[in-house]
C-alpha cells in the first residue's frame, strides 16, 4: 500500500511542478512553487515521510500515509480535475482485437480511432474510522473491461497527443462510453465484495464486544437497584421509594437500547464509490470485427436502452 501511495504522491508533485528527492533515509523534500504554497500551508519547502516511526522522531516532517490529512487533500485535489479528457495515440494503426467471443476480422483501408477508456475511482469506507482507496480500470469497446487495479492508472504521455490526426475519423458514441462506464462500476463493485464482507464482519464484532462491556455495567447497576428494592420496608414512604427504583431499572433498559443504536451507527459500514476522472484514449485502428449472425427466435426480446448521461461523474454507493 505504501508503494501505491508513493506513486500517487510523486505523480501529484510532478503534476504541480514539484520534484521530490530523498535527503535522508525515509525523508523527502520538495521545493514548493509560489503558486502552490497556499495548498501546502505556506511552506516554501515541503519535507515529508511515509514512515510513522520517522515522523515521530522528526516532528517537523509531514506524514503522508493512509488516512493522513495531506493525502486526503491530494486526493480531493485530484478529484477536482475535469472528469473526462481525451488523448490521441501517435502510434501506427493496429488491427482491432477480437473480443471475448471472437469474431472474424474484416481488413480494409479504413482507419479510425477506437476508444479505450481509463476510469479512475475513489472508494471511501466509513466504519468507525474513514479509509480511502484508489482503483483504475481500462475498458475497450473491442475487448470489454480489463481487471481492476489498485491505484491510479499511469499513462505514458509520450505516446499520446491532445490533437487528433486530421485524416483519421473518430468512431464512437456516448452510449459506448456510458456502457463501458456502467460495466466498470459493476466490475469494481464485484471486486470489493470480499473486502466489504470482512469489514462488515469486523464492525459486527466490534459492536457486539462493546455492547457486552456496556451490558455488564448495566447489569451491575440493576443488581444494586434490586438489592435496594429488597431492603425497603412496608411503609408508604418506602412504597414510593420502590416505585422510584422500578423507574430507574426501566431507565437502564432504555439506556441499553440507546447505546445499541449508537454502536450500530458507529460500526455500520458505509461505502461510497466515486469517479475521479475518465481518460478516453483514442487508438488508431484498421479493420473491424465482423458481427456474428444471430439466430431468429419465435418470441420478441426486449432490449433496455441506455439513456444519455450529462457526464461521467456518476456516484455509486454500496450500503
Protein backbone atom coordinates (compact mmCIF):
# COMPACT_ATOMS: atom_id res chain seq x y z
CA UNK A 1 0.00 0.00 0.00
CA UNK A 2 2.88 2.37 0.79
CA UNK A 3 4.23 1.97 -2.76
CA UNK A 4 0.83 2.88 -4.20
CA UNK A 5 0.70 5.99 -2.02
CA UNK A 6 4.23 6.96 -3.13
CA UNK A 7 3.25 6.59 -6.80
CA UNK A 8 0.19 8.77 -6.24
CA UNK A 9 2.09 11.48 -4.33
CA UNK A 10 5.01 11.65 -6.76
CA UNK A 11 2.60 11.83 -9.70
CA UNK A 12 0.77 14.68 -7.99
CA UNK A 13 4.02 16.53 -7.19
CA UNK A 14 5.11 16.21 -10.80
CA UNK A 15 1.71 17.49 -11.95
CA UNK A 16 2.07 20.69 -9.86
CA UNK A 17 5.71 21.22 -10.87
CA UNK A 18 7.46 19.80 -7.80
CA UNK A 19 10.29 17.29 -7.74
CA UNK A 20 10.75 15.21 -4.60
CA UNK A 21 14.19 13.97 -3.58
CA UNK A 22 15.24 11.77 -0.68
CA UNK A 23 17.50 13.92 1.54
CA UNK A 24 17.86 11.31 4.30
CA UNK A 25 16.76 7.68 4.62
CA UNK A 26 12.95 7.82 4.67
CA UNK A 27 12.85 11.64 4.50
CA UNK A 28 11.88 13.51 1.32
CA UNK A 29 11.95 17.17 0.37
CA UNK A 30 10.46 19.16 -2.50
CA UNK A 31 10.62 22.84 -3.40
CA UNK A 32 7.09 24.30 -3.46
CA UNK A 33 6.30 26.73 -6.31
CA UNK A 34 4.81 30.03 -5.20
CA UNK A 35 1.51 29.17 -6.90
CA UNK A 36 1.17 26.02 -4.75
CA UNK A 37 2.33 27.36 -1.39
CA UNK A 38 -1.22 28.08 -0.24
CA UNK A 39 -2.10 24.41 -0.79
CA UNK A 40 0.91 23.33 1.30
CA UNK A 41 0.11 25.72 4.19
CA UNK A 42 2.61 28.37 3.10
CA UNK A 43 5.69 26.12 3.11
CA UNK A 44 8.43 27.03 0.63
CA UNK A 45 9.97 23.58 1.04
CA UNK A 46 7.89 20.52 1.81
CA UNK A 47 9.64 17.93 3.98
CA UNK A 48 7.71 14.70 4.33
CA UNK A 49 7.91 10.99 5.07
CA UNK A 50 5.81 7.90 4.51
CA UNK A 51 7.03 6.22 7.72
CA UNK A 52 5.19 6.80 11.03
CA UNK A 53 8.27 5.98 13.11
CA UNK A 54 10.36 8.52 11.22
CA UNK A 55 7.60 11.12 11.68
CA UNK A 56 7.62 10.52 15.46
CA UNK A 57 11.36 11.16 15.58
CA UNK A 58 11.16 14.30 13.39
CA UNK A 59 8.18 16.44 14.38
CA UNK A 60 8.84 18.94 11.59
CA UNK A 61 8.01 16.36 8.89
CA UNK A 62 4.66 16.00 7.16
CA UNK A 63 3.44 12.40 7.43
CA UNK A 64 1.85 11.03 4.25
CA UNK A 65 0.16 7.69 4.83
CA UNK A 66 -3.23 6.04 4.61
CA UNK A 67 -5.75 8.33 6.31
CA UNK A 68 -3.33 11.28 6.75
CA UNK A 69 -4.56 14.84 6.28
CA UNK A 70 -2.23 15.72 3.40
CA UNK A 71 -3.05 12.53 1.47
CA UNK A 72 -6.77 13.34 1.76
CA UNK A 73 -6.07 16.86 0.46
CA UNK A 74 -4.16 15.45 -2.52
CA UNK A 75 -6.96 13.02 -3.35
CA UNK A 76 -9.53 15.82 -3.10
CA UNK A 77 -7.37 17.98 -5.37
CA UNK A 78 -7.15 15.18 -7.93
CA UNK A 79 -10.91 14.78 -7.74
CA UNK A 80 -11.26 18.37 -8.95
CA UNK A 81 -9.54 17.53 -12.24
CA UNK A 82 -12.03 17.62 -15.15
CA UNK A 83 -13.98 14.38 -15.12
CA UNK A 84 -13.29 13.43 -18.71
CA UNK A 85 -10.41 14.15 -21.06
CA UNK A 86 -9.30 12.79 -24.41
CA UNK A 87 -5.90 11.80 -25.78
CA UNK A 88 -4.97 10.50 -29.24
CA UNK A 89 -2.38 7.81 -29.77
CA UNK A 90 0.52 8.69 -32.06
CA UNK A 91 1.30 5.02 -32.74
CA UNK A 92 0.62 3.36 -36.12
CA UNK A 93 -2.86 1.90 -36.66
CA UNK A 94 -3.47 -1.53 -35.13
CA UNK A 95 -5.89 -4.28 -36.08
CA UNK A 96 -8.89 -4.25 -33.78
CA UNK A 97 -8.52 -7.15 -31.33
CA UNK A 98 -11.14 -9.85 -31.18
CA UNK A 99 -13.41 -9.69 -28.17
CA UNK A 100 -14.06 -12.48 -25.70
CA UNK A 101 -16.49 -14.12 -28.14
CA UNK A 102 -14.03 -13.99 -31.01
CA UNK A 103 -15.17 -12.87 -34.44
CA UNK A 104 -13.85 -12.51 -37.98
CA UNK A 105 -11.56 -9.60 -38.75
CA UNK A 106 -12.58 -7.54 -41.72
CA UNK A 107 -9.49 -5.85 -43.11
CA UNK A 108 -9.97 -2.66 -45.11
CA UNK A 109 -8.22 0.60 -45.89
CA UNK A 110 -10.44 2.38 -43.40
CA UNK A 111 -8.55 3.82 -40.41
CA UNK A 112 -10.43 5.24 -37.44
CA UNK A 113 -9.99 5.99 -33.75
CA UNK A 114 -11.28 3.28 -31.40
CA UNK A 115 -12.00 4.41 -27.81
CA UNK A 116 -10.17 2.81 -24.92
CA UNK A 117 -11.25 4.43 -21.65
CA UNK A 118 -9.32 4.62 -18.39
CA UNK A 119 -11.62 5.04 -15.37
CA UNK A 120 -10.08 6.14 -12.07
CA UNK A 121 -12.25 5.62 -8.99
CA UNK A 122 -12.07 6.62 -5.33
CA UNK A 123 -13.60 4.23 -2.78
CA UNK A 124 -14.40 5.52 0.70
CA UNK A 125 -15.01 3.16 3.61
CA UNK A 126 -16.64 4.63 6.71
CA UNK A 127 -16.81 2.26 9.69
CA UNK A 128 -15.61 3.80 12.97
CA UNK A 129 -12.61 5.07 11.00
CA UNK A 130 -12.51 6.52 7.50
CA UNK A 131 -10.41 4.81 4.83
CA UNK A 132 -9.89 5.69 1.19
CA UNK A 133 -8.52 3.65 -1.70
CA UNK A 134 -7.96 4.36 -5.38
CA UNK A 135 -8.69 1.94 -8.22
CA UNK A 136 -8.41 2.06 -12.00
CA UNK A 137 -9.99 0.04 -14.82
CA UNK A 138 -9.25 0.08 -18.53
CA UNK A 139 -12.20 -0.58 -20.83
CA UNK A 140 -12.11 -1.08 -24.60
CA UNK A 141 -15.06 -1.19 -26.97
CA UNK A 142 -13.46 -4.25 -28.60
CA UNK A 143 -12.35 -6.31 -25.60
CA UNK A 144 -14.55 -5.04 -22.76
CA UNK A 145 -13.40 -4.18 -19.24
CA UNK A 146 -9.98 -5.32 -18.03
CA UNK A 147 -9.19 -6.35 -14.47
CA UNK A 148 -9.37 -3.97 -11.51
CA UNK A 149 -6.02 -2.46 -10.48
CA UNK A 150 -5.31 -0.69 -7.20
CA UNK A 151 -4.01 2.86 -7.58
CA UNK A 152 -4.36 5.33 -10.44
CA UNK A 153 -3.54 4.18 -13.95
CA UNK A 154 -0.30 5.61 -15.34
CA UNK A 155 -0.43 6.85 -18.93
CA UNK A 156 2.73 7.34 -20.98
CA UNK A 157 2.04 10.81 -22.36
CA UNK A 158 4.86 10.42 -24.91
CA UNK A 159 2.63 8.01 -26.83
CA UNK A 160 -0.34 10.38 -26.98
CA UNK A 161 -1.26 13.81 -28.29
CA UNK A 162 -4.07 16.22 -27.39
CA UNK A 163 -4.96 16.72 -31.06
CA UNK A 164 -6.10 14.00 -33.49
CA UNK A 165 -4.60 13.28 -36.86
CA UNK A 166 -6.77 15.10 -39.41
CA UNK A 167 -7.18 12.12 -41.74
CA UNK A 168 -8.42 9.71 -39.05
CA UNK A 169 -12.10 9.63 -38.15
CA UNK A 170 -13.35 9.20 -34.58
CA UNK A 171 -15.89 6.40 -34.34
CA UNK A 172 -17.65 6.27 -31.00
CA UNK A 173 -20.88 7.26 -29.33
CA UNK A 174 -21.92 8.45 -25.91
CA UNK A 175 -23.73 5.16 -25.48
CA UNK A 176 -20.45 3.23 -25.95
CA UNK A 177 -18.71 5.28 -23.25
CA UNK A 178 -21.69 5.03 -20.89
CA UNK A 179 -21.88 1.25 -21.40
CA UNK A 180 -18.17 0.87 -20.57
CA UNK A 181 -18.61 3.07 -17.51
CA UNK A 182 -21.52 1.03 -16.16
CA UNK A 183 -19.66 -2.23 -16.81
CA UNK A 184 -16.62 -0.84 -14.98
CA UNK A 185 -18.74 0.19 -11.99
CA UNK A 186 -20.24 -3.30 -11.82
CA UNK A 187 -16.82 -4.99 -12.05
CA UNK A 188 -15.35 -2.72 -9.39
CA UNK A 189 -18.23 -3.38 -7.01
CA UNK A 190 -17.90 -7.13 -7.54
CA UNK A 191 -14.16 -6.96 -6.77
CA UNK A 192 -14.91 -5.17 -3.48
CA UNK A 193 -17.45 -7.70 -2.20
CA UNK A 194 -14.93 -9.77 -0.22
CA UNK A 195 -13.33 -6.74 1.45
CA UNK A 196 -16.76 -5.29 2.23
CA UNK A 197 -17.85 -8.57 3.84
CA UNK A 198 -14.69 -8.62 6.01
CA UNK A 199 -15.22 -5.02 7.13
CA UNK A 200 -18.87 -5.67 7.93
CA UNK A 201 -17.93 -8.74 9.94
CA UNK A 202 -15.31 -6.71 11.82
CA UNK A 203 -17.88 -3.97 12.50
CA UNK A 204 -20.40 -6.50 13.85
CA UNK A 205 -17.74 -8.00 16.15
CA UNK A 206 -16.71 -4.58 17.46
CA UNK A 207 -20.35 -3.64 18.05
CA UNK A 208 -21.00 -6.90 19.90
CA UNK A 209 -17.88 -6.61 22.09
CA UNK A 210 -18.60 -3.00 23.05
CA UNK A 211 -22.23 -3.85 23.78
CA UNK A 212 -21.20 -6.73 26.09
CA UNK A 213 -19.00 -4.38 28.12
CA UNK A 214 -21.82 -1.86 28.43
CA UNK A 215 -24.38 -4.54 29.31
CA UNK A 216 -22.10 -5.84 32.07
CA UNK A 217 -22.06 -2.33 33.53
CA UNK A 218 -25.87 -2.10 33.30
CA UNK A 219 -26.27 -5.50 34.96
CA UNK A 220 -24.18 -4.31 37.92
CA UNK A 221 -26.36 -1.23 38.23
CA UNK A 222 -29.51 -3.33 38.02
CA UNK A 223 -28.33 -5.76 40.70
CA UNK A 224 -27.58 -2.88 43.06
CA UNK A 225 -31.06 -1.45 42.50
CA UNK A 226 -32.69 -4.85 43.10
CA UNK A 227 -30.83 -5.20 46.39
CA UNK A 228 -32.09 -1.78 47.46
CA UNK A 229 -35.60 -2.81 46.48
CA UNK A 230 -35.43 -5.94 48.64
CA UNK A 231 -34.38 -3.89 51.67
CA UNK A 232 -37.28 -1.42 51.66
CA UNK A 233 -39.88 -1.75 54.48
CA UNK A 234 -43.65 -1.81 54.11
CA UNK A 235 -44.36 1.83 54.70
CA UNK A 236 -45.91 4.44 52.42
CA UNK A 237 -42.55 6.22 52.05
CA UNK A 238 -40.83 3.00 51.05
CA UNK A 239 -43.57 2.14 48.56
CA UNK A 240 -42.75 5.43 46.88
CA UNK A 241 -39.06 4.52 47.06
CA UNK A 242 -39.81 1.15 45.41
CA UNK A 243 -41.59 2.86 42.54
CA UNK A 244 -38.56 5.09 42.04
CA UNK A 245 -36.28 2.04 41.91
CA UNK A 246 -38.56 0.39 39.30
CA UNK A 247 -38.36 3.54 37.23
CA UNK A 248 -34.56 3.52 37.44
CA UNK A 249 -34.50 -0.14 36.30
CA UNK A 250 -36.70 0.77 33.30
CA UNK A 251 -34.32 3.62 32.51
CA UNK A 252 -31.44 1.13 32.37
CA UNK A 253 -33.24 -0.79 29.60
CA UNK A 254 -33.83 2.45 27.69
CA UNK A 255 -30.14 3.26 28.10
CA UNK A 256 -29.25 -0.15 26.67
CA UNK A 257 -31.40 0.46 23.57
CA UNK A 258 -29.87 3.91 23.09
CA UNK A 259 -26.34 2.51 23.38
CA UNK A 260 -27.13 -0.29 20.92
CA UNK A 261 -28.35 2.23 18.32
CA UNK A 262 -25.24 4.33 18.92
CA UNK A 263 -22.88 1.37 18.43
CA UNK A 264 -24.72 0.20 15.31
CA UNK A 265 -24.38 3.66 13.82
CA UNK A 266 -20.70 3.85 14.77
CA UNK A 267 -19.69 0.45 13.38
CA UNK A 268 -22.06 0.19 10.41
CA UNK A 269 -20.17 0.10 7.13
CA UNK A 270 -20.83 2.78 4.52
CA UNK A 271 -19.09 2.51 1.16
CA UNK A 272 -19.10 5.26 -1.44
CA UNK A 273 -17.64 4.81 -4.92
CA UNK A 274 -17.00 7.97 -6.91
CA UNK A 275 -15.40 8.60 -10.27
CA UNK A 276 -12.26 10.74 -10.06
CA UNK A 277 -11.84 11.10 -13.81
CA UNK A 278 -12.06 9.27 -17.11
CA UNK A 279 -9.49 9.46 -19.90
CA UNK A 280 -10.60 8.43 -23.39
CA UNK A 281 -7.60 7.07 -25.26
CA UNK A 282 -8.28 7.15 -28.99
CA UNK A 283 -6.42 4.25 -30.62
CA UNK A 284 -5.83 4.30 -34.43
CA UNK A 285 -7.43 1.12 -35.74
CA UNK A 286 -7.71 -0.56 -39.12
CA UNK A 287 -10.44 -3.10 -39.87
CA UNK A 288 -13.36 -4.15 -37.72
CA UNK A 289 -14.69 -7.32 -36.12
CA UNK A 290 -17.49 -8.81 -38.20
CA UNK A 291 -20.68 -9.11 -36.13
CA UNK A 292 -21.91 -12.64 -35.52
CA UNK A 293 -25.19 -13.63 -37.13
CA UNK A 294 -27.86 -14.31 -34.55
CA UNK A 295 -30.50 -16.98 -34.97
CA UNK A 296 -34.01 -15.69 -35.13
CA UNK A 297 -36.30 -16.66 -32.28
CA UNK A 298 -40.04 -17.03 -32.20
CA UNK A 299 -40.60 -14.64 -29.34
CA UNK A 300 -39.64 -10.98 -29.11
CA UNK A 301 -36.76 -10.00 -26.88
CA UNK A 302 -36.94 -6.51 -25.39
CA UNK A 303 -33.65 -4.67 -25.02
CA UNK A 304 -33.34 -1.96 -22.42
CA UNK A 305 -31.92 1.24 -23.87
CA UNK A 306 -29.11 3.11 -22.27
CA UNK A 307 -30.05 6.74 -21.66
CA UNK A 308 -27.69 9.58 -22.32
CA UNK A 309 -25.62 10.92 -19.44
CA UNK A 310 -24.83 14.54 -18.70
CA UNK A 311 -21.35 13.48 -17.67
CA UNK A 312 -19.27 10.69 -16.30
CA UNK A 313 -19.32 11.98 -12.73
CA UNK A 314 -21.88 9.42 -11.56
CA UNK A 315 -21.72 8.19 -7.98
CA UNK A 316 -22.31 4.60 -6.96
CA UNK A 317 -22.76 3.57 -3.33
CA UNK A 318 -22.90 0.19 -1.66
CA UNK A 319 -24.84 0.39 1.56
